[in-house]
PDB file of N, CA and C in Angstrom:
ATOM      1  N   MET A   1       0.842  -1.178   0.000  1.00  0.00           N
ATOM      2  CA  MET A   1       0.000   0.000   0.000  1.00  0.00           C
ATOM      3  C   MET A   1       0.891   1.247   0.000  1.00  0.00           C
ATOM      4  N   ALA A   2       0.576   2.203  -0.855  1.00  0.00           N
ATOM      5  CA  ALA A   2       1.406   3.401  -1.025  1.00  0.00           C
ATOM      6  C   ALA A   2       1.493   4.231   0.250  1.00  0.00           C
ATOM      7  N   GLY A   3       0.443   4.260   1.048  1.00  0.00           N
ATOM      8  CA  GLY A   3       0.436   5.040   2.282  1.00  0.00           C
ATOM      9  C   GLY A   3       1.350   4.479   3.351  1.00  0.00           C
ATOM     10  N   GLU A   4       1.843   3.273   3.155  1.00  0.00           N
ATOM     11  CA  GLU A   4       2.725   2.638   4.132  1.00  0.00           C
ATOM     12  C   GLU A   4       4.188   2.718   3.729  1.00  0.00           C
ATOM     13  N   LEU A   5       4.503   3.511   2.724  1.00  0.00           N
ATOM     14  CA  LEU A   5       5.875   3.685   2.276  1.00  0.00           C
ATOM     15  C   LEU A   5       6.523   4.778   3.123  1.00  0.00           C
ATOM     16  N   TYR A   6       7.429   4.390   3.989  1.00  0.00           N
ATOM     17  CA  TYR A   6       8.045   5.335   4.924  1.00  0.00           C
ATOM     18  C   TYR A   6       9.455   5.705   4.464  1.00  0.00           C
ATOM     19  N   LEU A   7       9.524   6.548   3.454  1.00  0.00           N
ATOM     20  CA  LEU A   7      10.788   7.068   2.956  1.00  0.00           C
ATOM     21  C   LEU A   7      10.802   8.577   3.169  1.00  0.00           C
ATOM     22  N   PRO A   8      11.984   9.185   3.153  1.00  0.00           N
ATOM     23  CA  PRO A   8      12.039  10.626   3.378  1.00  0.00           C
ATOM     24  C   PRO A   8      11.399  11.449   2.260  1.00  0.00           C
ATOM     25  N   VAL A   9      11.312  10.888   1.050  1.00  0.00           N
ATOM     26  CA  VAL A   9      10.664  11.575  -0.071  1.00  0.00           C
ATOM     27  C   VAL A   9       9.660  10.611  -0.687  1.00  0.00           C
ATOM     28  N   ARG A  10       8.405  11.070  -0.823  1.00  0.00           N
ATOM     29  CA  ARG A  10       7.366  10.223  -1.419  1.00  0.00           C
ATOM     30  C   ARG A  10       6.698  10.955  -2.574  1.00  0.00           C
ATOM     31  N   LEU A  11       6.409  10.222  -3.641  1.00  0.00           N
ATOM     32  CA  LEU A  11       5.644  10.754  -4.759  1.00  0.00           C
ATOM     33  C   LEU A  11       4.169  10.596  -4.429  1.00  0.00           C
ATOM     34  N   LYS A  12       3.404  11.660  -4.604  1.00  0.00           N
ATOM     35  CA  LYS A  12       1.976  11.618  -4.297  1.00  0.00           C
ATOM     36  C   LYS A  12       1.191  11.713  -5.600  1.00  0.00           C
ATOM     37  N   PRO A  13       0.261  10.783  -5.846  1.00  0.00           N
ATOM     38  CA  PRO A  13      -0.492  10.774  -7.102  1.00  0.00           C
ATOM     39  C   PRO A  13      -1.554  11.869  -7.166  1.00  0.00           C
ATOM     40  N   ARG A  14      -2.018  12.139  -8.373  1.00  0.00           N
ATOM     41  CA  ARG A  14      -3.042  13.162  -8.583  1.00  0.00           C
ATOM     42  C   ARG A  14      -4.399  12.719  -8.043  1.00  0.00           C
ATOM     43  N   ASP A  15      -4.642  11.446  -8.035  1.00  0.00           N
ATOM     44  CA  ASP A  15      -5.957  10.934  -7.660  1.00  0.00           C
ATOM     45  C   ASP A  15      -5.822  10.029  -6.446  1.00  0.00           C
ATOM     46  N   GLU A  16      -6.213   8.815  -6.555  1.00  0.00           N
ATOM     47  CA  GLU A  16      -6.172   7.834  -5.467  1.00  0.00           C
ATOM     48  C   GLU A  16      -4.736   7.598  -5.005  1.00  0.00           C
ATOM     49  N   ASN A  17      -4.519   7.572  -3.694  1.00  0.00           N
ATOM     50  CA  ASN A  17      -3.193   7.353  -3.134  1.00  0.00           C
ATOM     51  C   ASN A  17      -2.867   5.864  -3.150  1.00  0.00           C
ATOM     52  N   SER A  18      -2.480   5.408  -4.334  1.00  0.00           N
ATOM     53  CA  SER A  18      -2.089   4.012  -4.509  1.00  0.00           C
ATOM     54  C   SER A  18      -1.040   3.953  -5.602  1.00  0.00           C
ATOM     55  N   LEU A  19      -0.361   2.819  -5.711  1.00  0.00           N
ATOM     56  CA  LEU A  19       0.629   2.674  -6.768  1.00  0.00           C
ATOM     57  C   LEU A  19      -0.034   2.712  -8.137  1.00  0.00           C
ATOM     58  N   ASP A  20      -1.242   2.129  -8.255  1.00  0.00           N
ATOM     59  CA  ASP A  20      -1.974   2.194  -9.524  1.00  0.00           C
ATOM     60  C   ASP A  20      -2.352   3.632  -9.854  1.00  0.00           C
ATOM     61  N   GLY A  21      -2.787   4.395  -8.852  1.00  0.00           N
ATOM     62  CA  GLY A  21      -3.115   5.795  -9.058  1.00  0.00           C
ATOM     63  C   GLY A  21      -1.904   6.584  -9.539  1.00  0.00           C
ATOM     64  N   LEU A  22      -0.757   6.269  -8.993  1.00  0.00           N
ATOM     65  CA  LEU A  22       0.480   6.925  -9.395  1.00  0.00           C
ATOM     66  C   LEU A  22       0.836   6.557 -10.838  1.00  0.00           C
ATOM     67  N   LEU A  23       0.710   5.288 -11.164  1.00  0.00           N
ATOM     68  CA  LEU A  23       1.024   4.813 -12.511  1.00  0.00           C
ATOM     69  C   LEU A  23       0.063   5.400 -13.545  1.00  0.00           C
ATOM     70  N   ASN A  24      -1.237   5.402 -13.217  1.00  0.00           N
ATOM     71  CA  ASN A  24      -2.256   5.828 -14.190  1.00  0.00           C
ATOM     72  C   ASN A  24      -2.429   7.337 -14.285  1.00  0.00           C
ATOM     73  N   ASN A  25      -2.215   8.060 -13.189  1.00  0.00           N
ATOM     74  CA  ASN A  25      -2.521   9.486 -13.165  1.00  0.00           C
ATOM     75  C   ASN A  25      -1.309  10.383 -12.996  1.00  0.00           C
ATOM     76  N   GLY A  26      -0.151   9.816 -12.748  1.00  0.00           N
ATOM     77  CA  GLY A  26       1.059  10.610 -12.606  1.00  0.00           C
ATOM     78  C   GLY A  26       1.206  11.236 -11.225  1.00  0.00           C
ATOM     79  N   VAL A  27       2.237  12.034 -11.095  1.00  0.00           N
ATOM     80  CA  VAL A  27       2.590  12.662  -9.823  1.00  0.00           C
ATOM     81  C   VAL A  27       1.925  14.029  -9.705  1.00  0.00           C
ATOM     82  N   ASP A  28       1.290  14.270  -8.588  1.00  0.00           N
ATOM     83  CA  ASP A  28       0.709  15.583  -8.296  1.00  0.00           C
ATOM     84  C   ASP A  28       1.714  16.447  -7.537  1.00  0.00           C
ATOM     85  N   HIS A  29       2.370  15.854  -6.539  1.00  0.00           N
ATOM     86  CA  HIS A  29       3.361  16.577  -5.750  1.00  0.00           C
ATOM     87  C   HIS A  29       4.245  15.577  -5.028  1.00  0.00           C
ATOM     88  N   ILE A  30       5.325  16.074  -4.452  1.00  0.00           N
ATOM     89  CA  ILE A  30       6.177  15.221  -3.637  1.00  0.00           C
ATOM     90  C   ILE A  30       5.999  15.612  -2.179  1.00  0.00           C
ATOM     91  N   GLU A  31       6.198  14.639  -1.329  1.00  0.00           N
ATOM     92  CA  GLU A  31       6.087  14.866   0.107  1.00  0.00           C
ATOM     93  C   GLU A  31       7.481  14.672   0.702  1.00  0.00           C
ATOM     94  N   LEU A  32       8.006  15.715   1.335  1.00  0.00           N
ATOM     95  CA  LEU A  32       9.313  15.650   1.982  1.00  0.00           C
ATOM     96  C   LEU A  32       9.094  15.407   3.463  1.00  0.00           C
ATOM     97  N   ARG A  33       9.667  14.311   3.981  1.00  0.00           N
ATOM     98  CA  ARG A  33       9.388  13.895   5.350  1.00  0.00           C
ATOM     99  C   ARG A  33      10.630  13.823   6.217  1.00  0.00           C
ATOM    100  N   MET A  34      11.758  14.404   5.742  1.00  0.00           N
ATOM    101  CA  MET A  34      12.999  14.193   6.465  1.00  0.00           C
ATOM    102  C   MET A  34      13.421  15.333   7.367  1.00  0.00           C
ATOM    103  N   PHE A  35      12.647  16.399   7.405  1.00  0.00           N
ATOM    104  CA  PHE A  35      13.063  17.518   8.245  1.00  0.00           C
ATOM    105  C   PHE A  35      11.878  18.056   9.029  1.00  0.00           C
ATOM    106  N   ASP A  36      12.199  18.699  10.134  1.00  0.00           N
ATOM    107  CA  ASP A  36      11.175  19.333  10.953  1.00  0.00           C
ATOM    108  C   ASP A  36      10.957  20.755  10.472  1.00  0.00           C
ATOM    109  N   LEU A  37       9.813  21.295  10.790  1.00  0.00           N
ATOM    110  CA  LEU A  37       9.519  22.665  10.405  1.00  0.00           C
ATOM    111  C   LEU A  37      10.284  23.652  11.279  1.00  0.00           C
ATOM    112  N   ASN A  38      10.672  24.753  10.686  1.00  0.00           N
ATOM    113  CA  ASN A  38      11.359  25.823  11.396  1.00  0.00           C
ATOM    114  C   ASN A  38      10.309  26.828  11.846  1.00  0.00           C
ATOM    115  N   PRO A  39      10.027  26.939  13.130  1.00  0.00           N
ATOM    116  CA  PRO A  39       8.966  27.835  13.608  1.00  0.00           C
ATOM    117  C   PRO A  39       9.281  29.313  13.390  1.00  0.00           C
ATOM    118  N   LEU A  40      10.521  29.625  13.051  1.00  0.00           N
ATOM    119  CA  LEU A  40      10.900  31.015  12.829  1.00  0.00           C
ATOM    120  C   LEU A  40      10.691  31.462  11.381  1.00  0.00           C
ATOM    121  N   GLU A  41      10.303  30.539  10.506  1.00  0.00           N
ATOM    122  CA  GLU A  41      10.099  30.847   9.097  1.00  0.00           C
ATOM    123  C   GLU A  41       8.619  30.770   8.739  1.00  0.00           C
ATOM    124  N   LYS A  42       8.161  31.724   7.943  1.00  0.00           N
ATOM    125  CA  LYS A  42       6.756  31.783   7.543  1.00  0.00           C
ATOM    126  C   LYS A  42       6.302  30.488   6.857  1.00  0.00           C
ATOM    127  N   LEU A  43       7.134  29.945   5.973  1.00  0.00           N
ATOM    128  CA  LEU A  43       6.787  28.719   5.258  1.00  0.00           C
ATOM    129  C   LEU A  43       7.284  27.456   5.954  1.00  0.00           C
ATOM    130  N   GLY A  44       7.929  27.609   7.099  1.00  0.00           N
ATOM    131  CA  GLY A  44       8.360  26.456   7.878  1.00  0.00           C
ATOM    132  C   GLY A  44       9.751  25.958   7.568  1.00  0.00           C
ATOM    133  N   ILE A  45      10.385  26.503   6.542  1.00  0.00           N
ATOM    134  CA  ILE A  45      11.736  26.064   6.195  1.00  0.00           C
ATOM    135  C   ILE A  45      12.445  27.189   5.446  1.00  0.00           C
ATOM    136  N   ALA A  46      13.741  27.278   5.650  1.00  0.00           N
ATOM    137  CA  ALA A  46      14.560  28.268   4.966  1.00  0.00           C
ATOM    138  C   ALA A  46      15.707  27.545   4.262  1.00  0.00           C
ATOM    139  N   GLN A  47      16.213  28.144   3.212  1.00  0.00           N
ATOM    140  CA  GLN A  47      17.327  27.545   2.469  1.00  0.00           C
ATOM    141  C   GLN A  47      18.508  27.257   3.388  1.00  0.00           C
ATOM    142  N   GLU A  48      18.730  28.107   4.372  1.00  0.00           N
ATOM    143  CA  GLU A  48      19.863  27.948   5.276  1.00  0.00           C
ATOM    144  C   GLU A  48      19.699  26.773   6.243  1.00  0.00           C
ATOM    145  N   ASP A  49      18.498  26.201   6.314  1.00  0.00           N
ATOM    146  CA  ASP A  49      18.247  25.119   7.262  1.00  0.00           C
ATOM    147  C   ASP A  49      18.931  23.814   6.876  1.00  0.00           C
ATOM    148  N   PHE A  50      19.251  23.656   5.607  1.00  0.00           N
ATOM    149  CA  PHE A  50      19.884  22.406   5.201  1.00  0.00           C
ATOM    150  C   PHE A  50      20.694  22.591   3.930  1.00  0.00           C
ATOM    151  N   ASP A  51      21.653  21.719   3.760  1.00  0.00           N
ATOM    152  CA  ASP A  51      22.485  21.670   2.568  1.00  0.00           C
ATOM    153  C   ASP A  51      22.113  20.386   1.852  1.00  0.00           C
ATOM    154  N   PHE A  52      21.233  20.484   0.875  1.00  0.00           N
ATOM    155  CA  PHE A  52      20.623  19.308   0.260  1.00  0.00           C
ATOM    156  C   PHE A  52      21.400  18.877  -0.975  1.00  0.00           C
ATOM    157  N   THR A  53      22.388  18.014  -0.780  1.00  0.00           N
ATOM    158  CA  THR A  53      23.189  17.498  -1.885  1.00  0.00           C
ATOM    159  C   THR A  53      22.797  16.041  -2.136  1.00  0.00           C
ATOM    160  N   PRO A  54      23.131  15.494  -3.305  1.00  0.00           N
ATOM    161  CA  PRO A  54      22.846  14.070  -3.545  1.00  0.00           C
ATOM    162  C   PRO A  54      23.468  13.165  -2.487  1.00  0.00           C
ATOM    163  N   TYR A  55      24.699  13.479  -2.059  1.00  0.00           N
ATOM    164  CA  TYR A  55      25.346  12.676  -1.021  1.00  0.00           C
ATOM    165  C   TYR A  55      24.535  12.699   0.276  1.00  0.00           C
ATOM    166  N   LEU A  56      24.097  13.888   0.691  1.00  0.00           N
ATOM    167  CA  LEU A  56      23.311  13.992   1.922  1.00  0.00           C
ATOM    168  C   LEU A  56      21.967  13.274   1.789  1.00  0.00           C
ATOM    169  N   GLN A  57      21.359  13.318   0.598  1.00  0.00           N
ATOM    170  CA  GLN A  57      20.108  12.586   0.381  1.00  0.00           C
ATOM    171  C   GLN A  57      20.321  11.093   0.586  1.00  0.00           C
ATOM    172  N   GLU A  58      21.411  10.556   0.021  1.00  0.00           N
ATOM    173  CA  GLU A  58      21.721   9.135   0.197  1.00  0.00           C
ATOM    174  C   GLU A  58      21.965   8.815   1.673  1.00  0.00           C
ATOM    175  N   GLN A  59      22.665   9.702   2.350  1.00  0.00           N
ATOM    176  CA  GLN A  59      22.960   9.504   3.769  1.00  0.00           C
ATOM    177  C   GLN A  59      21.664   9.536   4.587  1.00  0.00           C
ATOM    178  N   LEU A  60      20.763  10.457   4.265  1.00  0.00           N
ATOM    179  CA  LEU A  60      19.476  10.525   4.967  1.00  0.00           C
ATOM    180  C   LEU A  60      18.677   9.239   4.790  1.00  0.00           C
ATOM    181  N   ILE A  61      18.662   8.712   3.580  1.00  0.00           N
ATOM    182  CA  ILE A  61      17.924   7.463   3.330  1.00  0.00           C
ATOM    183  C   ILE A  61      18.543   6.321   4.123  1.00  0.00           C
ATOM    184  N   ARG A  62      19.885   6.228   4.107  1.00  0.00           N
ATOM    185  CA  ARG A  62      20.544   5.168   4.893  1.00  0.00           C
ATOM    186  C   ARG A  62      20.217   5.297   6.376  1.00  0.00           C
ATOM    187  N   ASN A  63      20.275   6.521   6.895  1.00  0.00           N
ATOM    188  CA  ASN A  63      19.969   6.732   8.308  1.00  0.00           C
ATOM    189  C   ASN A  63      18.523   6.379   8.620  1.00  0.00           C
ATOM    190  N   HIS A  64      17.614   6.746   7.732  1.00  0.00           N
ATOM    191  CA  HIS A  64      16.198   6.396   7.904  1.00  0.00           C
ATOM    192  C   HIS A  64      16.022   4.879   7.944  1.00  0.00           C
ATOM    193  N   GLN A  65      16.671   4.200   7.014  1.00  0.00           N
ATOM    194  CA  GLN A  65      16.568   2.737   6.961  1.00  0.00           C
ATOM    195  C   GLN A  65      17.164   2.097   8.210  1.00  0.00           C
ATOM    196  N   ASN A  66      18.302   2.597   8.661  1.00  0.00           N
ATOM    197  CA  ASN A  66      18.921   2.064   9.881  1.00  0.00           C
ATOM    198  C   ASN A  66      18.002   2.246  11.083  1.00  0.00           C
ATOM    199  N   ALA A  67      17.404   3.413  11.188  1.00  0.00           N
ATOM    200  CA  ALA A  67      16.515   3.683  12.321  1.00  0.00           C
ATOM    201  C   ALA A  67      15.301   2.767  12.306  1.00  0.00           C
ATOM    202  N   ALA A  68      14.813   2.421  11.126  1.00  0.00           N
ATOM    203  CA  ALA A  68      13.625   1.576  11.017  1.00  0.00           C
ATOM    204  C   ALA A  68      13.926   0.099  11.272  1.00  0.00           C
ATOM    205  N   LEU A  69      15.157  -0.321  11.059  1.00  0.00           N
ATOM    206  CA  LEU A  69      15.475  -1.750  11.110  1.00  0.00           C
ATOM    207  C   LEU A  69      15.991  -2.258  12.450  1.00  0.00           C
ATOM    208  N   TYR A  70      16.520  -1.382  13.272  1.00  0.00           N
ATOM    209  CA  TYR A  70      17.213  -1.843  14.473  1.00  0.00           C
ATOM    210  C   TYR A  70      16.560  -1.348  15.753  1.00  0.00           C
ATOM    211  N   ASP A  71      16.796  -2.106  16.794  1.00  0.00           N
ATOM    212  CA  ASP A  71      16.393  -1.671  18.127  1.00  0.00           C
ATOM    213  C   ASP A  71      17.099  -0.346  18.408  1.00  0.00           C
ATOM    214  N   ILE A  72      16.399   0.597  18.975  1.00  0.00           N
ATOM    215  CA  ILE A  72      16.951   1.953  19.154  1.00  0.00           C
ATOM    216  C   ILE A  72      18.282   1.961  19.904  1.00  0.00           C
ATOM    217  N   SER A  73      18.491   1.012  20.777  1.00  0.00           N
ATOM    218  CA  SER A  73      19.753   0.994  21.521  1.00  0.00           C
ATOM    219  C   SER A  73      20.934   0.616  20.629  1.00  0.00           C
ATOM    220  N   ASP A  74      20.662   0.022  19.461  1.00  0.00           N
ATOM    221  CA  ASP A  74      21.721  -0.387  18.538  1.00  0.00           C
ATOM    222  C   ASP A  74      21.909   0.573  17.373  1.00  0.00           C
ATOM    223  N   VAL A  75      21.064   1.570  17.242  1.00  0.00           N
ATOM    224  CA  VAL A  75      21.118   2.465  16.086  1.00  0.00           C
ATOM    225  C   VAL A  75      22.177   3.532  16.279  1.00  0.00           C
ATOM    226  N   SER A  76      22.996   3.711  15.257  1.00  0.00           N
ATOM    227  CA  SER A  76      23.976   4.794  15.284  1.00  0.00           C
ATOM    228  C   SER A  76      23.883   5.586  13.988  1.00  0.00           C
ATOM    229  N   ILE A  77      24.221   6.856  14.089  1.00  0.00           N
ATOM    230  CA  ILE A  77      24.257   7.740  12.932  1.00  0.00           C
ATOM    231  C   ILE A  77      25.660   8.307  12.864  1.00  0.00           C
ATOM    232  N   ASP A  78      26.320   8.023  11.765  1.00  0.00           N
ATOM    233  CA  ASP A  78      27.704   8.464  11.587  1.00  0.00           C
ATOM    234  C   ASP A  78      28.581   8.045  12.758  1.00  0.00           C
ATOM    235  N   GLY A  79      28.367   6.837  13.258  1.00  0.00           N
ATOM    236  CA  GLY A  79      29.191   6.299  14.336  1.00  0.00           C
ATOM    237  C   GLY A  79      28.814   6.736  15.735  1.00  0.00           C
ATOM    238  N   VAL A  80      27.752   7.505  15.872  1.00  0.00           N
ATOM    239  CA  VAL A  80      27.308   7.976  17.188  1.00  0.00           C
ATOM    240  C   VAL A  80      25.967   7.322  17.498  1.00  0.00           C
ATOM    241  N   TYR A  81      25.858   6.708  18.665  1.00  0.00           N
ATOM    242  CA  TYR A  81      24.579   6.089  19.042  1.00  0.00           C
ATOM    243  C   TYR A  81      23.480   7.136  19.051  1.00  0.00           C
ATOM    244  N   ILE A  82      22.320   6.739  18.599  1.00  0.00           N
ATOM    245  CA  ILE A  82      21.220   7.686  18.419  1.00  0.00           C
ATOM    246  C   ILE A  82      20.798   8.344  19.734  1.00  0.00           C
ATOM    247  N   THR A  83      20.891   7.610  20.826  1.00  0.00           N
ATOM    248  CA  THR A  83      20.536   8.213  22.111  1.00  0.00           C
ATOM    249  C   THR A  83      21.509   9.330  22.480  1.00  0.00           C
ATOM    250  N   GLU A  84      22.797   9.133  22.168  1.00  0.00           N
ATOM    251  CA  GLU A  84      23.790  10.185  22.412  1.00  0.00           C
ATOM    252  C   GLU A  84      23.530  11.381  21.496  1.00  0.00           C
ATOM    253  N   ALA A  85      23.228  11.104  20.217  1.00  0.00           N
ATOM    254  CA  ALA A  85      22.951  12.184  19.265  1.00  0.00           C
ATOM    255  C   ALA A  85      21.705  12.962  19.693  1.00  0.00           C
ATOM    256  N   ALA A  86      20.681  12.244  20.163  1.00  0.00           N
ATOM    257  CA  ALA A  86      19.448  12.902  20.606  1.00  0.00           C
ATOM    258  C   ALA A  86      19.701  13.776  21.825  1.00  0.00           C
ATOM    259  N   ASN A  87      20.465  13.269  22.784  1.00  0.00           N
ATOM    260  CA  ASN A  87      20.783  14.065  23.974  1.00  0.00           C
ATOM    261  C   ASN A  87      21.605  15.293  23.618  1.00  0.00           C
ATOM    262  N   SER A  88      22.536  15.147  22.692  1.00  0.00           N
ATOM    263  CA  SER A  88      23.334  16.284  22.241  1.00  0.00           C
ATOM    264  C   SER A  88      22.444  17.333  21.575  1.00  0.00           C
ATOM    265  N   LEU A  89      21.524  16.877  20.742  1.00  0.00           N
ATOM    266  CA  LEU A  89      20.598  17.795  20.082  1.00  0.00           C
ATOM    267  C   LEU A  89      19.703  18.507  21.091  1.00  0.00           C
ATOM    268  N   LEU A  90      19.210  17.771  22.074  1.00  0.00           N
ATOM    269  CA  LEU A  90      18.371  18.384  23.109  1.00  0.00           C
ATOM    270  C   LEU A  90      19.154  19.425  23.917  1.00  0.00           C
ATOM    271  N   ASP A  91      20.431  19.143  24.181  1.00  0.00           N
ATOM    272  CA  ASP A  91      21.282  20.124  24.876  1.00  0.00           C
ATOM    273  C   ASP A  91      21.418  21.400  24.058  1.00  0.00           C
ATOM    274  N   LYS A  92      21.618  21.261  22.743  1.00  0.00           N
ATOM    275  CA  LYS A  92      21.735  22.429  21.869  1.00  0.00           C
ATOM    276  C   LYS A  92      20.436  23.220  21.830  1.00  0.00           C
ATOM    277  N   ILE A  93      19.314  22.504  21.782  1.00  0.00           N
ATOM    278  CA  ILE A  93      18.003  23.172  21.781  1.00  0.00           C
ATOM    279  C   ILE A  93      17.796  23.924  23.070  1.00  0.00           C
ATOM    280  N   GLU A  94      18.138  23.276  24.187  1.00  0.00           N
ATOM    281  CA  GLU A  94      17.989  23.921  25.496  1.00  0.00           C
ATOM    282  C   GLU A  94      18.842  25.191  25.585  1.00  0.00           C
ATOM    283  N   LYS A  95      20.074  25.130  25.099  1.00  0.00           N
ATOM    284  CA  LYS A  95      20.942  26.312  25.122  1.00  0.00           C
ATOM    285  C   LYS A  95      20.395  27.409  24.214  1.00  0.00           C
ATOM    286  N   TYR A  96      19.834  27.026  23.082  1.00  0.00           N
ATOM    287  CA  TYR A  96      19.306  28.013  22.125  1.00  0.00           C
ATOM    288  C   TYR A  96      18.091  28.735  22.686  1.00  0.00           C
ATOM    289  N   PHE A  97      17.206  27.979  23.305  1.00  0.00           N
ATOM    290  CA  PHE A  97      15.974  28.579  23.803  1.00  0.00           C
ATOM    291  C   PHE A  97      16.102  28.967  25.260  1.00  0.00           C
TER     292      PHE A  97
END
């Protein structure tokens, strides 16, 4: 089922949200699911929020797949356990706000 495809970028059909709908009716829009909204921006995101290169896209997909496949205690991103990365991010958020 197309609605169960959990990738950072999804193609959305013009009509029925199914693979057949996508095949028969084409793409209406894409859905970007890999970033959070920036509350300081009117549209929720600014160009400065990310550096979107093909390499980073591949890395995001790998990280997404790793997070989906493993027990959270075993997941690492760029060699750092996800719990450590999350705590580091929360510390930065706390300092910022």
